[in-house]
Amino acid sequence: MSKQKTWTAKAADLKSDWYVVDATDQVLGRLASGVAAILRGKHKPTFTPHLNSGDHVVVINAAKVKVTGSKLQNKEYTRYTGYPGGLRKRTMERAQQLDPTFPITTAVRGMLQRNTL
């Protein structure tokens, strides 16, 4: 019988750090996947799925992020107002003009898990 035990982190054991990420000339998807991993805490050896072991991330120069291909003109973000005929569409170029952080925020949010943790 083995006497080895699996170590599991407890909430008191976890510390969160702050990261500053520069988005200048980085591809949107690769940047977003790295930020999502840091937010989730997958980069730490103390990662525990049932606890919030992630860190805080600040992205600077969000307006200078790059996208490949023709996504800047062709990718559309849609939202529905809830009223008939209320489907609103906005291209990535227009969304970035109005709020430079929107494409990064949306990409990172899409890569995070959907449950409460």
Protein backbone atom coordinates (compact mmCIF):
# COMPACT_ATOMS: atom_id res chain seq x y z
CA MET A 1 0.00 0.00 0.00
CA SER A 2 1.39 3.37 -1.02
CA LYS A 3 1.83 6.07 1.56
CA GLN A 4 2.13 8.84 -1.00
CA LYS A 5 -0.57 11.47 -0.85
CA THR A 6 -1.71 13.97 -3.43
CA TRP A 7 -1.24 17.55 -2.32
CA THR A 8 -4.19 19.86 -2.88
CA ALA A 9 -4.03 23.61 -2.44
CA LYS A 10 -6.25 25.32 0.07
CA ALA A 11 -7.64 28.83 -0.28
CA ALA A 12 -5.21 30.16 2.34
CA ASP A 13 -2.22 28.78 0.39
CA LEU A 14 -2.96 30.73 -2.80
CA LYS A 15 -1.57 34.16 -3.57
CA SER A 16 -2.41 36.22 -6.62
CA ASP A 17 0.18 38.27 -8.47
CA TRP A 18 -0.18 41.12 -10.95
CA TYR A 19 1.02 40.84 -14.56
CA VAL A 20 1.40 43.65 -17.10
CA VAL A 21 1.14 42.46 -20.71
CA ASP A 22 2.12 44.68 -23.64
CA ALA A 23 -0.16 44.01 -26.64
CA THR A 24 1.98 45.93 -29.15
CA ASP A 25 2.28 43.91 -32.39
CA GLN A 26 0.98 40.71 -30.79
CA VAL A 27 -1.58 38.53 -32.55
CA LEU A 28 -4.98 38.77 -30.84
CA GLY A 29 -5.68 35.04 -30.39
CA ARG A 30 -2.24 34.16 -29.08
CA LEU A 31 -2.32 37.08 -26.66
CA ALA A 32 -5.81 36.16 -25.46
CA SER A 33 -4.93 32.51 -24.84
CA GLY A 34 -1.91 33.51 -22.76
CA VAL A 35 -3.94 36.01 -20.73
CA ALA A 36 -6.72 33.45 -20.18
CA ALA A 37 -4.22 30.90 -18.87
CA ILE A 38 -2.81 33.44 -16.42
CA LEU A 39 -6.29 34.46 -15.26
CA ARG A 40 -7.21 30.83 -14.69
CA GLY A 41 -3.93 30.05 -12.91
CA LYS A 42 -2.80 27.25 -15.22
CA HIS A 43 0.78 28.58 -15.21
CA LYS A 44 1.24 27.85 -11.51
CA PRO A 45 2.35 24.56 -10.00
CA THR A 46 -0.29 25.12 -7.29
CA PHE A 47 -3.16 25.15 -9.82
CA THR A 48 -6.31 23.66 -8.32
CA PRO A 49 -9.42 23.41 -10.53
CA HIS A 50 -11.96 24.04 -7.77
CA LEU A 51 -10.25 27.18 -6.37
CA ASN A 52 -9.56 30.58 -7.86
CA SER A 53 -5.80 30.29 -8.25
CA GLY A 54 -5.48 32.86 -11.03
CA ASP A 55 -3.59 36.12 -11.16
CA HIS A 56 -4.52 39.66 -12.17
CA VAL A 57 -3.62 40.87 -15.67
CA VAL A 58 -3.34 44.43 -17.02
CA VAL A 59 -3.06 44.73 -20.81
CA ILE A 60 -1.46 47.92 -22.13
CA ASN A 61 -1.40 49.23 -25.71
CA ALA A 62 -4.57 47.32 -26.57
CA ALA A 63 -5.14 49.46 -29.68
CA LYS A 64 -1.89 48.18 -31.20
CA VAL A 65 -2.88 44.50 -31.26
CA LYS A 66 -2.64 42.75 -34.63
CA VAL A 67 -5.12 40.44 -36.32
CA THR A 68 -4.29 38.12 -39.20
CA GLY A 69 -5.97 38.06 -42.58
CA SER A 70 -8.91 40.34 -43.28
CA LYS A 71 -10.54 39.97 -39.86
CA LEU A 72 -10.31 43.70 -39.20
CA GLN A 73 -12.88 44.40 -41.94
CA ASN A 74 -14.78 41.08 -42.07
CA LYS A 75 -15.18 39.89 -38.47
CA GLU A 76 -18.47 41.03 -36.97
CA TYR A 77 -19.54 41.19 -33.35
CA THR A 78 -23.29 40.76 -32.91
CA ARG A 79 -25.60 41.45 -30.03
CA TYR A 80 -29.34 41.30 -29.70
CA THR A 81 -31.30 44.06 -27.96
CA GLY A 82 -34.27 41.83 -27.19
CA TYR A 83 -36.65 43.66 -29.50
CA PRO A 84 -37.86 42.54 -32.94
CA GLY A 85 -35.34 43.63 -35.55
CA GLY A 86 -32.87 44.46 -32.79
CA LEU A 87 -29.85 42.52 -34.06
CA ARG A 88 -26.89 44.89 -33.95
CA LYS A 89 -23.69 44.16 -35.88
CA ARG A 90 -20.34 45.87 -35.61
CA THR A 91 -17.10 45.10 -37.44
CA MET A 92 -13.89 44.59 -35.53
CA GLU A 93 -12.47 47.78 -37.00
CA ARG A 94 -15.43 49.85 -35.75
CA ALA A 95 -15.45 48.12 -32.36
CA GLN A 96 -11.75 48.87 -31.91
CA GLN A 97 -12.30 52.52 -32.80
CA LEU A 98 -15.02 52.89 -30.18
CA ASP A 99 -13.27 50.85 -27.46
CA PRO A 100 -9.72 49.57 -28.10
CA THR A 101 -10.03 46.99 -25.31
CA PHE A 102 -13.21 45.36 -26.68
CA PRO A 103 -11.61 42.77 -29.03
CA ILE A 104 -9.14 41.61 -26.38
CA THR A 105 -11.78 41.46 -23.65
CA THR A 106 -14.16 39.51 -25.87
CA ALA A 107 -11.46 37.06 -26.99
CA VAL A 108 -10.26 36.41 -23.43
CA ARG A 109 -13.80 36.03 -22.11
CA GLY A 110 -14.51 33.50 -24.84
CA MET A 111 -11.50 31.44 -23.75
CA LEU A 112 -12.42 31.31 -20.07
CA GLN A 113 -14.66 28.65 -18.59
CA ARG A 114 -18.34 29.41 -18.28
CA ASN A 115 -19.04 28.27 -14.72
CA THR A 116 -18.89 30.24 -11.50
CA LEU A 117 -15.20 29.65 -10.83
